[in-house]
Amino acid sequence: MKHPFDQAVAEHSAVVLRVCRAVLGPVEADDAWSETFLSALRAWPDLPDDANVRAWLVTVAHRKAIDVRRAQARGAVPVESLPDRPSWGDEQPGAALPDTELWAALAALPSKQRQCVAYHHVAGLPHAEVAAIVGGTAAASRRSAADGIATLRRTYLTKEVSTHV
């Protein structure tokens, strides 16, 4: 039997937000998070009782992230000054996000690697489900995630060591 929607939001909200941040970065993540749950609410009555809700929500978040990227590509508007630094959070939109260097290193990964790292390591989805979301095979998803993690280790951990010396 399927749980109430508000329970699904409570259980999977943090994972969806972390995935949105990993794919889009912290600025656009809050909007994608909101759009994910609005879309999910509309589709909730038709979701099968035995559905993997976490994987389904990550898929919806992935599609919303693609929508955000497409919207960005259609038109950036230059401004004279940048707004104040956004507030980021680990569990709820708008809360404080630690370790901005790690998020920056993740954002610097190629898109496919960033998505595979986010969906597998952040959302906890198996590589077969990640492949279904991003396209390709489970082996390709595993390779992209491994390459992304290797790059993060090289770039992020190198920064960590150099700042502590």
N, C-alpha and C. Protein backbone atom coordinates (compact mmCIF):
# COMPACT_ATOMS: atom_id res chain seq x y z
N MET A 1 0.84 -1.18 0.00
CA MET A 1 0.00 0.00 0.00
C MET A 1 0.89 1.26 0.00
N LYS A 2 0.51 2.19 -0.81
CA LYS A 2 1.28 3.42 -0.96
C LYS A 2 1.02 4.33 0.25
N HIS A 3 2.10 4.97 0.73
CA HIS A 3 2.01 5.90 1.85
C HIS A 3 1.41 7.23 1.39
N PRO A 4 0.94 8.05 2.32
CA PRO A 4 0.46 9.39 1.96
C PRO A 4 1.61 10.22 1.37
N PHE A 5 1.25 11.16 0.52
CA PHE A 5 2.25 11.98 -0.16
C PHE A 5 3.12 12.75 0.83
N ASP A 6 2.53 13.30 1.87
CA ASP A 6 3.33 14.09 2.82
C ASP A 6 4.39 13.23 3.51
N GLN A 7 4.11 11.95 3.68
CA GLN A 7 5.10 11.04 4.26
C GLN A 7 6.25 10.82 3.25
N ALA A 8 5.91 10.69 1.98
CA ALA A 8 6.95 10.55 0.95
C ALA A 8 7.84 11.79 0.91
N VAL A 9 7.23 12.96 1.04
CA VAL A 9 8.02 14.20 1.06
C VAL A 9 8.95 14.20 2.26
N ALA A 10 8.43 13.84 3.41
CA ALA A 10 9.24 13.83 4.64
C ALA A 10 10.41 12.84 4.52
N GLU A 11 10.16 11.67 3.94
CA GLU A 11 11.19 10.63 3.84
C GLU A 11 12.24 10.94 2.79
N HIS A 12 11.85 11.56 1.69
CA HIS A 12 12.75 11.68 0.55
C HIS A 12 13.15 13.12 0.21
N SER A 13 12.68 14.06 0.98
CA SER A 13 12.95 15.47 0.71
C SER A 13 14.44 15.79 0.66
N ALA A 14 15.18 15.32 1.65
CA ALA A 14 16.61 15.62 1.74
C ALA A 14 17.38 15.02 0.57
N VAL A 15 17.05 13.79 0.20
CA VAL A 15 17.73 13.14 -0.92
C VAL A 15 17.47 13.90 -2.21
N VAL A 16 16.22 14.27 -2.45
CA VAL A 16 15.87 15.00 -3.67
C VAL A 16 16.61 16.34 -3.71
N LEU A 17 16.68 17.02 -2.58
CA LEU A 17 17.39 18.30 -2.54
C LEU A 17 18.88 18.11 -2.81
N ARG A 18 19.49 17.10 -2.21
CA ARG A 18 20.91 16.85 -2.45
C ARG A 18 21.18 16.50 -3.91
N VAL A 19 20.28 15.73 -4.51
CA VAL A 19 20.42 15.39 -5.93
C VAL A 19 20.31 16.65 -6.78
N CYS A 20 19.32 17.48 -6.50
CA CYS A 20 19.15 18.73 -7.26
C CYS A 20 20.39 19.61 -7.13
N ARG A 21 20.96 19.68 -5.93
CA ARG A 21 22.17 20.49 -5.73
C ARG A 21 23.35 19.91 -6.47
N ALA A 22 23.47 18.60 -6.44
CA ALA A 22 24.59 17.95 -7.12
C ALA A 22 24.52 18.14 -8.63
N VAL A 23 23.34 18.11 -9.18
CA VAL A 23 23.17 18.23 -10.63
C VAL A 23 23.19 19.68 -11.08
N LEU A 24 22.53 20.56 -10.34
CA LEU A 24 22.35 21.94 -10.78
C LEU A 24 23.23 22.95 -10.07
N GLY A 25 23.68 22.62 -8.89
CA GLY A 25 24.35 23.61 -8.06
C GLY A 25 23.34 24.17 -7.08
N PRO A 26 23.81 24.87 -6.08
CA PRO A 26 22.94 25.30 -4.99
C PRO A 26 21.94 26.39 -5.35
N VAL A 27 22.23 27.21 -6.34
CA VAL A 27 21.34 28.33 -6.64
C VAL A 27 20.03 27.86 -7.25
N GLU A 28 20.10 26.99 -8.25
CA GLU A 28 18.89 26.52 -8.93
C GLU A 28 18.23 25.33 -8.23
N ALA A 29 18.91 24.74 -7.27
CA ALA A 29 18.42 23.51 -6.64
C ALA A 29 17.08 23.70 -5.92
N ASP A 30 16.91 24.80 -5.22
CA ASP A 30 15.67 25.00 -4.47
C ASP A 30 14.45 25.03 -5.40
N ASP A 31 14.59 25.70 -6.55
CA ASP A 31 13.48 25.74 -7.50
C ASP A 31 13.21 24.36 -8.08
N ALA A 32 14.25 23.63 -8.42
CA ALA A 32 14.07 22.29 -8.97
C ALA A 32 13.45 21.36 -7.93
N TRP A 33 13.85 21.53 -6.67
CA TRP A 33 13.27 20.73 -5.59
C TRP A 33 11.76 20.97 -5.50
N SER A 34 11.37 22.24 -5.52
CA SER A 34 9.95 22.59 -5.44
C SER A 34 9.19 22.05 -6.64
N GLU A 35 9.76 22.23 -7.82
CA GLU A 35 9.11 21.73 -9.04
C GLU A 35 8.99 20.21 -9.03
N THR A 36 9.97 19.54 -8.46
CA THR A 36 9.92 18.08 -8.36
C THR A 36 8.71 17.63 -7.56
N PHE A 37 8.53 18.25 -6.40
CA PHE A 37 7.43 17.81 -5.55
C PHE A 37 6.07 18.29 -6.05
N LEU A 38 6.02 19.41 -6.74
CA LEU A 38 4.75 19.83 -7.36
C LEU A 38 4.34 18.83 -8.45
N SER A 39 5.30 18.46 -9.25
CA SER A 39 5.05 17.49 -10.32
C SER A 39 4.68 16.13 -9.73
N ALA A 40 5.39 15.73 -8.70
CA ALA A 40 5.13 14.45 -8.06
C ALA A 40 3.73 14.41 -7.43
N LEU A 41 3.33 15.53 -6.84
CA LEU A 41 1.99 15.59 -6.23
C LEU A 41 0.91 15.37 -7.29
N ARG A 42 1.10 15.97 -8.47
CA ARG A 42 0.12 15.80 -9.54
C ARG A 42 0.05 14.34 -10.00
N ALA A 43 1.19 13.67 -10.04
CA ALA A 43 1.24 12.30 -10.54
C ALA A 43 1.00 11.25 -9.45
N TRP A 44 1.01 11.66 -8.20
CA TRP A 44 0.91 10.72 -7.07
C TRP A 44 -0.28 9.76 -7.15
N PRO A 45 -1.48 10.21 -7.48
CA PRO A 45 -2.60 9.28 -7.52
C PRO A 45 -2.43 8.13 -8.51
N ASP A 46 -1.65 8.34 -9.57
CA ASP A 46 -1.46 7.31 -10.60
C ASP A 46 -0.24 6.44 -10.36
N LEU A 47 0.55 6.73 -9.33
CA LEU A 47 1.74 5.96 -9.03
C LEU A 47 1.32 4.59 -8.49
N PRO A 48 1.87 3.51 -9.05
CA PRO A 48 1.52 2.17 -8.54
C PRO A 48 1.91 2.00 -7.07
N ASP A 49 1.15 1.21 -6.36
CA ASP A 49 1.39 1.00 -4.93
C ASP A 49 2.77 0.39 -4.66
N ASP A 50 3.28 -0.41 -5.58
CA ASP A 50 4.56 -1.09 -5.35
C ASP A 50 5.74 -0.34 -5.95
N ALA A 51 5.56 0.92 -6.34
CA ALA A 51 6.62 1.70 -6.97
C ALA A 51 7.73 2.02 -5.98
N ASN A 52 8.94 2.12 -6.49
CA ASN A 52 10.08 2.56 -5.69
C ASN A 52 10.01 4.09 -5.66
N VAL A 53 9.45 4.64 -4.62
CA VAL A 53 9.18 6.08 -4.53
C VAL A 53 10.47 6.89 -4.60
N ARG A 54 11.51 6.45 -3.94
CA ARG A 54 12.78 7.18 -3.95
C ARG A 54 13.32 7.29 -5.38
N ALA A 55 13.38 6.17 -6.09
CA ALA A 55 13.88 6.18 -7.47
C ALA A 55 12.98 7.02 -8.36
N TRP A 56 11.68 6.94 -8.16
CA TRP A 56 10.73 7.72 -8.95
C TRP A 56 10.95 9.22 -8.72
N LEU A 57 11.11 9.62 -7.47
CA LEU A 57 11.33 11.03 -7.17
C LEU A 57 12.66 11.53 -7.73
N VAL A 58 13.70 10.69 -7.69
CA VAL A 58 14.98 11.07 -8.27
C VAL A 58 14.83 11.23 -9.79
N THR A 59 14.04 10.38 -10.42
CA THR A 59 13.78 10.51 -11.86
C THR A 59 13.06 11.82 -12.15
N VAL A 60 12.06 12.15 -11.35
CA VAL A 60 11.34 13.41 -11.53
C VAL A 60 12.31 14.58 -11.33
N ALA A 61 13.15 14.51 -10.31
CA ALA A 61 14.13 15.57 -10.06
C ALA A 61 15.10 15.71 -11.24
N HIS A 62 15.51 14.59 -11.80
CA HIS A 62 16.39 14.61 -12.97
C HIS A 62 15.74 15.36 -14.12
N ARG A 63 14.49 15.08 -14.37
CA ARG A 63 13.77 15.75 -15.46
C ARG A 63 13.61 17.24 -15.17
N LYS A 64 13.35 17.59 -13.94
CA LYS A 64 13.24 19.00 -13.59
C LYS A 64 14.59 19.70 -13.74
N ALA A 65 15.66 19.00 -13.39
CA ALA A 65 17.00 19.57 -13.56
C ALA A 65 17.29 19.84 -15.04
N ILE A 66 16.89 18.91 -15.89
CA ILE A 66 17.05 19.11 -17.33
C ILE A 66 16.25 20.33 -17.78
N ASP A 67 15.04 20.47 -17.27
CA ASP A 67 14.22 21.64 -17.61
C ASP A 67 14.91 22.94 -17.20
N VAL A 68 15.51 22.95 -16.02
CA VAL A 68 16.21 24.14 -15.54
C VAL A 68 17.39 24.45 -16.44
N ARG A 69 18.18 23.42 -16.79
CA ARG A 69 19.33 23.63 -17.67
C ARG A 69 18.89 24.18 -19.03
N ARG A 70 17.81 23.64 -19.58
CA ARG A 70 17.32 24.13 -20.87
C ARG A 70 16.88 25.59 -20.76
N ALA A 71 16.22 25.92 -19.67
CA ALA A 71 15.78 27.31 -19.48
C ALA A 71 16.99 28.24 -19.38
N GLN A 72 18.04 27.79 -18.71
CA GLN A 72 19.25 28.60 -18.59
C GLN A 72 19.89 28.83 -19.96
N ALA A 73 19.87 27.80 -20.78
CA ALA A 73 20.50 27.90 -22.10
C ALA A 73 19.74 28.87 -23.01
N ARG A 74 18.47 29.05 -22.75
CA ARG A 74 17.67 29.92 -23.60
C ARG A 74 17.93 31.40 -23.36
N GLY A 75 18.42 31.75 -22.24
CA GLY A 75 18.66 33.18 -22.08
C GLY A 75 19.16 33.61 -20.73
N ALA A 76 20.43 33.90 -20.68
CA ALA A 76 21.00 34.50 -19.48
C ALA A 76 20.95 36.01 -19.64
N VAL A 77 20.65 36.68 -18.58
CA VAL A 77 20.57 38.14 -18.61
C VAL A 77 21.71 38.70 -17.78
N PRO A 78 22.63 39.45 -18.41
CA PRO A 78 23.73 40.03 -17.64
C PRO A 78 23.23 41.10 -16.67
N VAL A 79 23.88 41.18 -15.53
CA VAL A 79 23.53 42.18 -14.52
C VAL A 79 24.81 42.93 -14.12
N GLU A 80 24.63 44.12 -13.60
CA GLU A 80 25.79 44.91 -13.20
C GLU A 80 26.46 44.39 -11.94
N SER A 81 25.66 43.90 -11.00
CA SER A 81 26.25 43.37 -9.77
C SER A 81 25.55 42.07 -9.42
N LEU A 82 26.31 41.21 -8.77
CA LEU A 82 25.78 39.91 -8.37
C LEU A 82 25.01 40.04 -7.06
N PRO A 83 23.97 39.23 -6.90
CA PRO A 83 23.25 39.25 -5.62
C PRO A 83 24.12 38.68 -4.50
N ASP A 84 23.68 38.87 -3.26
CA ASP A 84 24.39 38.29 -2.13
C ASP A 84 24.49 36.78 -2.31
N ARG A 85 25.48 36.21 -1.69
CA ARG A 85 25.68 34.77 -1.76
C ARG A 85 24.43 34.05 -1.25
N PRO A 86 23.95 33.04 -1.99
CA PRO A 86 22.73 32.34 -1.56
C PRO A 86 22.96 31.52 -0.29
N SER A 87 21.90 31.26 0.41
CA SER A 87 21.94 30.42 1.59
C SER A 87 21.64 28.99 1.16
N TRP A 88 22.49 28.05 1.56
CA TRP A 88 22.32 26.66 1.15
C TRP A 88 22.10 25.80 2.38
N GLY A 89 21.40 24.69 2.22
CA GLY A 89 21.16 23.81 3.35
C GLY A 89 21.32 22.35 3.00
N ASP A 90 21.58 21.54 4.00
CA ASP A 90 21.77 20.11 3.76
C ASP A 90 20.45 19.36 3.77
N GLU A 91 19.51 19.77 4.56
CA GLU A 91 18.28 19.01 4.66
C GLU A 91 17.05 19.75 4.14
N GLN A 92 17.03 21.05 4.23
CA GLN A 92 15.87 21.82 3.81
C GLN A 92 16.31 22.97 2.92
N PRO A 93 15.49 23.35 1.95
CA PRO A 93 15.85 24.50 1.13
C PRO A 93 16.07 25.73 2.00
N GLY A 94 17.13 26.47 1.74
CA GLY A 94 17.40 27.70 2.47
C GLY A 94 18.28 27.54 3.69
N ALA A 95 18.58 26.30 4.13
CA ALA A 95 19.43 26.09 5.31
C ALA A 95 20.91 26.15 4.89
N ALA A 96 21.83 26.19 5.84
CA ALA A 96 23.25 26.35 5.54
C ALA A 96 23.85 25.06 4.98
N LEU A 97 24.69 25.18 3.96
CA LEU A 97 25.35 24.04 3.33
C LEU A 97 26.84 24.08 3.64
N PRO A 98 27.36 23.07 4.31
CA PRO A 98 28.78 23.05 4.60
C PRO A 98 29.58 22.60 3.37
N ASP A 99 30.86 22.80 3.42
CA ASP A 99 31.79 22.26 2.44
C ASP A 99 31.54 22.73 1.01
N THR A 100 31.55 24.03 0.83
CA THR A 100 31.27 24.59 -0.49
C THR A 100 32.33 24.18 -1.51
N GLU A 101 33.56 23.89 -1.08
CA GLU A 101 34.60 23.46 -2.02
C GLU A 101 34.24 22.11 -2.65
N LEU A 102 33.68 21.22 -1.86
CA LEU A 102 33.27 19.92 -2.40
C LEU A 102 32.14 20.10 -3.41
N TRP A 103 31.17 20.95 -3.10
CA TRP A 103 30.07 21.19 -4.03
C TRP A 103 30.60 21.84 -5.30
N ALA A 104 31.59 22.71 -5.19
CA ALA A 104 32.18 23.33 -6.37
C ALA A 104 32.92 22.29 -7.21
N ALA A 105 33.64 21.39 -6.56
CA ALA A 105 34.34 20.32 -7.28
C ALA A 105 33.34 19.41 -7.98
N LEU A 106 32.23 19.11 -7.33
CA LEU A 106 31.18 18.29 -7.95
C LEU A 106 30.58 19.01 -9.14
N ALA A 107 30.34 20.31 -9.00
CA ALA A 107 29.76 21.09 -10.10
C ALA A 107 30.71 21.16 -11.30
N ALA A 108 32.00 21.03 -11.07
CA ALA A 108 32.98 21.11 -12.16
C ALA A 108 33.08 19.82 -12.96
N LEU A 109 32.50 18.74 -12.47
CA LEU A 109 32.54 17.47 -13.21
C LEU A 109 31.73 17.58 -14.50
N PRO A 110 32.09 16.79 -15.51
CA PRO A 110 31.24 16.72 -16.70
C PRO A 110 29.83 16.27 -16.31
N SER A 111 28.85 16.69 -17.06
CA SER A 111 27.45 16.48 -16.72
C SER A 111 27.12 15.02 -16.41
N LYS A 112 27.52 14.10 -17.25
CA LYS A 112 27.19 12.67 -17.06
C LYS A 112 27.82 12.14 -15.77
N GLN A 113 29.07 12.50 -15.51
CA GLN A 113 29.73 12.06 -14.28
C GLN A 113 29.03 12.64 -13.07
N ARG A 114 28.70 13.94 -13.12
CA ARG A 114 28.03 14.60 -11.99
C ARG A 114 26.69 13.93 -11.71
N GLN A 115 25.93 13.63 -12.75
CA GLN A 115 24.63 12.99 -12.57
C GLN A 115 24.79 11.59 -11.99
N CYS A 116 25.72 10.81 -12.53
CA CYS A 116 25.91 9.44 -12.03
C CYS A 116 26.38 9.43 -10.58
N VAL A 117 27.28 10.35 -10.23
CA VAL A 117 27.73 10.47 -8.83
C VAL A 117 26.55 10.85 -7.95
N ALA A 118 25.77 11.82 -8.39
CA ALA A 118 24.65 12.30 -7.58
C ALA A 118 23.61 11.21 -7.39
N TYR A 119 23.22 10.56 -8.46
CA TYR A 119 22.13 9.59 -8.37
C TYR A 119 22.56 8.32 -7.65
N HIS A 120 23.84 7.92 -7.82
CA HIS A 120 24.28 6.69 -7.15
C HIS A 120 24.75 6.96 -5.72
N HIS A 121 25.66 7.93 -5.56
CA HIS A 121 26.27 8.14 -4.24
C HIS A 121 25.45 9.04 -3.32
N VAL A 122 24.73 10.00 -3.88
CA VAL A 122 23.92 10.89 -3.05
C VAL A 122 22.53 10.31 -2.83
N ALA A 123 21.88 9.85 -3.91
CA ALA A 123 20.51 9.33 -3.78
C ALA A 123 20.50 7.84 -3.44
N GLY A 124 21.62 7.16 -3.62
CA GLY A 124 21.69 5.75 -3.25
C GLY A 124 21.03 4.80 -4.23
N LEU A 125 20.87 5.23 -5.48
CA LEU A 125 20.23 4.36 -6.47
C LEU A 125 21.25 3.38 -7.04
N PRO A 126 20.82 2.15 -7.36
CA PRO A 126 21.73 1.21 -8.01
C PRO A 126 22.07 1.70 -9.43
N HIS A 127 23.19 1.22 -9.96
CA HIS A 127 23.64 1.69 -11.26
C HIS A 127 22.63 1.41 -12.37
N ALA A 128 21.88 0.33 -12.27
CA ALA A 128 20.87 0.03 -13.30
C ALA A 128 19.79 1.12 -13.33
N GLU A 129 19.38 1.60 -12.17
CA GLU A 129 18.37 2.67 -12.12
C GLU A 129 18.97 4.00 -12.57
N VAL A 130 20.24 4.24 -12.23
CA VAL A 130 20.91 5.45 -12.69
C VAL A 130 20.97 5.44 -14.21
N ALA A 131 21.31 4.30 -14.79
CA ALA A 131 21.38 4.17 -16.25
C ALA A 131 20.02 4.43 -16.89
N ALA A 132 18.95 3.99 -16.25
CA ALA A 132 17.61 4.22 -16.78
C ALA A 132 17.28 5.71 -16.77
N ILE A 133 17.81 6.44 -15.81
CA ILE A 133 17.53 7.88 -15.71
C ILE A 133 18.36 8.66 -16.71
N VAL A 134 19.68 8.41 -16.74
CA VAL A 134 20.57 9.23 -17.57
C VAL A 134 20.79 8.67 -18.96
N GLY A 135 20.39 7.43 -19.18
CA GLY A 135 20.60 6.78 -20.47
C GLY A 135 21.89 5.98 -20.46
N GLY A 136 21.91 4.90 -21.22
CA GLY A 136 23.09 4.06 -21.27
C GLY A 136 22.89 2.78 -20.49
N THR A 137 24.00 2.12 -20.22
CA THR A 137 23.97 0.84 -19.52
C THR A 137 24.39 1.03 -18.07
N ALA A 138 24.12 -0.01 -17.27
CA ALA A 138 24.55 0.01 -15.87
C ALA A 138 26.08 0.09 -15.79
N ALA A 139 26.77 -0.59 -16.70
CA ALA A 139 28.24 -0.56 -16.69
C ALA A 139 28.75 0.85 -17.01
N ALA A 140 28.11 1.52 -17.96
CA ALA A 140 28.51 2.89 -18.30
C ALA A 140 28.24 3.83 -17.13
N SER A 141 27.12 3.63 -16.44
CA SER A 141 26.79 4.44 -15.27
C SER A 141 27.84 4.22 -14.18
N ARG A 142 28.21 2.96 -13.96
CA ARG A 142 29.22 2.64 -12.94
C ARG A 142 30.55 3.31 -13.30
N ARG A 143 30.94 3.25 -14.57
CA ARG A 143 32.19 3.85 -15.02
C ARG A 143 32.17 5.37 -14.85
N SER A 144 31.06 6.01 -15.23
CA SER A 144 30.95 7.47 -15.09
C SER A 144 31.02 7.87 -13.63
N ALA A 145 30.34 7.13 -12.77
CA ALA A 145 30.37 7.44 -11.34
C ALA A 145 31.78 7.24 -10.78
N ALA A 146 32.44 6.16 -11.19
CA ALA A 146 33.81 5.90 -10.71
C ALA A 146 34.77 6.98 -11.20
N ASP A 147 34.64 7.38 -12.47
CA ASP A 147 35.49 8.45 -12.99
C ASP A 147 35.24 9.76 -12.25
N GLY A 148 33.98 10.04 -11.96
CA GLY A 148 33.64 11.26 -11.23
C GLY A 148 34.23 11.26 -9.82
N ILE A 149 34.10 10.14 -9.14
CA ILE A 149 34.66 10.02 -7.78
C ILE A 149 36.18 10.15 -7.82
N ALA A 150 36.82 9.53 -8.82
CA ALA A 150 38.28 9.64 -8.94
C ALA A 150 38.69 11.10 -9.15
N THR A 151 37.96 11.82 -9.99
CA THR A 151 38.26 13.23 -10.23
C THR A 151 38.05 14.03 -8.95
N LEU A 152 36.96 13.76 -8.24
CA LEU A 152 36.72 14.47 -6.98
C LEU A 152 37.85 14.22 -5.98
N ARG A 153 38.31 12.98 -5.91
CA ARG A 153 39.40 12.67 -4.98
C ARG A 153 40.66 13.44 -5.35
N ARG A 154 40.95 13.48 -6.65
CA ARG A 154 42.16 14.20 -7.09
C ARG A 154 42.03 15.70 -6.83
N THR A 155 40.92 16.30 -7.21
CA THR A 155 40.80 17.76 -7.11
C THR A 155 40.45 18.22 -5.71
N TYR A 156 39.44 17.63 -5.11
CA TYR A 156 38.98 18.09 -3.81
C TYR A 156 39.98 17.75 -2.71
N LEU A 157 40.45 16.53 -2.68
CA LEU A 157 41.38 16.14 -1.62
C LEU A 157 42.70 16.87 -1.75
N THR A 158 43.12 17.19 -2.97
CA THR A 158 44.33 17.98 -3.16
C THR A 158 44.15 19.37 -2.55
N LYS A 159 42.97 19.96 -2.75
CA LYS A 159 42.69 21.28 -2.15
C LYS A 159 42.70 21.18 -0.63
N GLU A 160 42.10 20.10 -0.08
CA GLU A 160 42.05 19.92 1.36
C GLU A 160 43.45 19.83 1.95
N VAL A 161 44.34 19.05 1.30
CA VAL A 161 45.69 18.87 1.80
C VAL A 161 46.44 20.19 1.72
N SER A 162 46.30 20.93 0.62
CA SER A 162 47.05 22.17 0.47
C SER A 162 46.57 23.27 1.43
N THR A 163 45.31 23.24 1.83
CA THR A 163 44.83 24.26 2.78
C THR A 163 45.24 23.97 4.20
N HIS A 164 45.60 22.72 4.50
CA HIS A 164 45.99 22.36 5.86
C HIS A 164 47.50 22.34 6.06
N VAL A 165 48.25 22.63 5.01
CA VAL A 165 49.72 22.58 5.12
C VAL A 165 50.25 23.92 5.54
